[in-house]
Amino acid sequence: MNNQTHSAESPDSMCLAYGQQVQQLFELNTPAEMAEHLWEIYSGFQLYDHQAGHNPRKVDIFYTFRDLVHFCQNVAAMKAA
């Protein structure tokens, strides 16, 4: 049985929808401000994690954090260009 779903949307309309979501994300904060907020959130997580003990997902959480910071930095660079 094929469990794949098929979207009626074209790749172009999906890119536009993603772009609109990104635009909404950065309406209240600039990409640089968002990256700063992410650092604050991650710093709080690190403090909590250190107090709470071993977290088997710590590496995965770091990679997610890193990717989000890089995303914000890339958007900031695009806006500056």
Protein backbone atom coordinates (compact mmCIF):
# COMPACT_ATOMS: atom_id res chain seq x y z
CA MET A 1 0.00 0.00 0.00
CA ASN A 2 1.31 3.43 -0.92
CA ASN A 3 1.12 5.79 2.07
CA GLN A 4 2.62 8.79 0.31
CA THR A 5 0.53 11.92 0.14
CA HIS A 6 0.52 14.07 -2.93
CA SER A 7 0.24 17.81 -2.76
CA ALA A 8 -1.71 19.72 -5.38
CA GLU A 9 0.66 22.65 -4.85
CA SER A 10 3.48 23.35 -7.26
CA PRO A 11 7.07 23.68 -6.01
CA ASP A 12 6.90 27.41 -6.81
CA SER A 13 3.81 27.93 -4.68
CA MET A 14 5.43 25.97 -1.84
CA CYS A 15 8.53 28.20 -2.03
CA LEU A 16 6.31 31.27 -1.94
CA ALA A 17 4.44 29.91 1.07
CA TYR A 18 7.72 29.20 2.87
CA GLY A 19 8.95 32.68 2.02
CA GLN A 20 5.80 34.21 3.47
CA GLN A 21 6.30 32.22 6.67
CA VAL A 22 9.89 33.45 6.93
CA GLN A 23 8.76 37.03 6.32
CA GLN A 24 6.20 36.72 9.13
CA LEU A 25 8.84 35.23 11.42
CA PHE A 26 11.08 38.26 10.99
CA GLU A 27 8.38 40.95 11.17
CA LEU A 28 8.88 41.53 14.91
CA ASN A 29 12.62 40.90 15.10
CA THR A 30 15.46 41.24 12.65
CA PRO A 31 17.37 38.06 11.78
CA ALA A 32 20.29 39.31 13.93
CA GLU A 33 17.96 39.90 16.88
CA MET A 34 16.44 36.47 16.40
CA ALA A 35 19.91 34.90 16.47
CA GLU A 36 20.61 36.74 19.73
CA HIS A 37 17.37 35.42 21.19
CA LEU A 38 18.33 31.92 20.14
CA TRP A 39 21.66 32.30 21.96
CA GLU A 40 19.80 33.36 25.10
CA ILE A 41 17.41 30.42 24.83
CA TYR A 42 20.24 27.98 24.24
CA SER A 43 22.25 29.42 27.15
CA GLY A 44 19.25 28.88 29.43
CA PHE A 45 18.88 25.35 28.12
CA GLN A 46 22.55 24.65 28.79
CA LEU A 47 22.23 25.88 32.37
CA TYR A 48 19.11 23.79 32.96
CA ASP A 49 20.60 20.76 31.24
CA HIS A 50 23.73 20.97 33.39
CA GLN A 51 21.57 21.00 36.54
CA ALA A 52 19.16 18.29 35.33
CA GLY A 53 21.81 15.76 34.38
CA HIS A 54 22.37 13.58 31.35
CA ASN A 55 20.29 14.32 28.24
CA PRO A 56 20.67 11.79 25.42
CA ARG A 57 19.28 14.34 22.93
CA LYS A 58 21.79 17.05 23.80
CA VAL A 59 23.73 16.71 20.54
CA ASP A 60 20.55 16.75 18.42
CA ILE A 61 19.33 19.86 20.25
CA PHE A 62 22.67 21.58 19.64
CA TYR A 63 22.52 20.80 15.91
CA THR A 64 18.97 22.18 15.72
CA PHE A 65 20.11 25.32 17.53
CA ARG A 66 23.14 25.67 15.25
CA ASP A 67 21.00 25.27 12.13
CA LEU A 68 18.53 27.90 13.33
CA VAL A 69 21.33 30.38 14.07
CA HIS A 70 22.86 29.73 10.63
CA PHE A 71 19.44 30.23 9.05
CA CYS A 72 19.05 33.61 10.77
CA GLN A 73 22.57 34.59 9.72
CA ASN A 74 21.88 33.59 6.11
CA VAL A 75 18.65 35.60 6.05
CA ALA A 76 20.49 38.61 7.52
CA ALA A 77 23.13 38.31 4.79
CA MET A 78 20.43 38.10 2.11
CA LYS A 79 18.74 41.23 3.47
CA ALA A 80 22.08 43.09 3.54
CA ALA A 81 22.86 42.22 -0.09
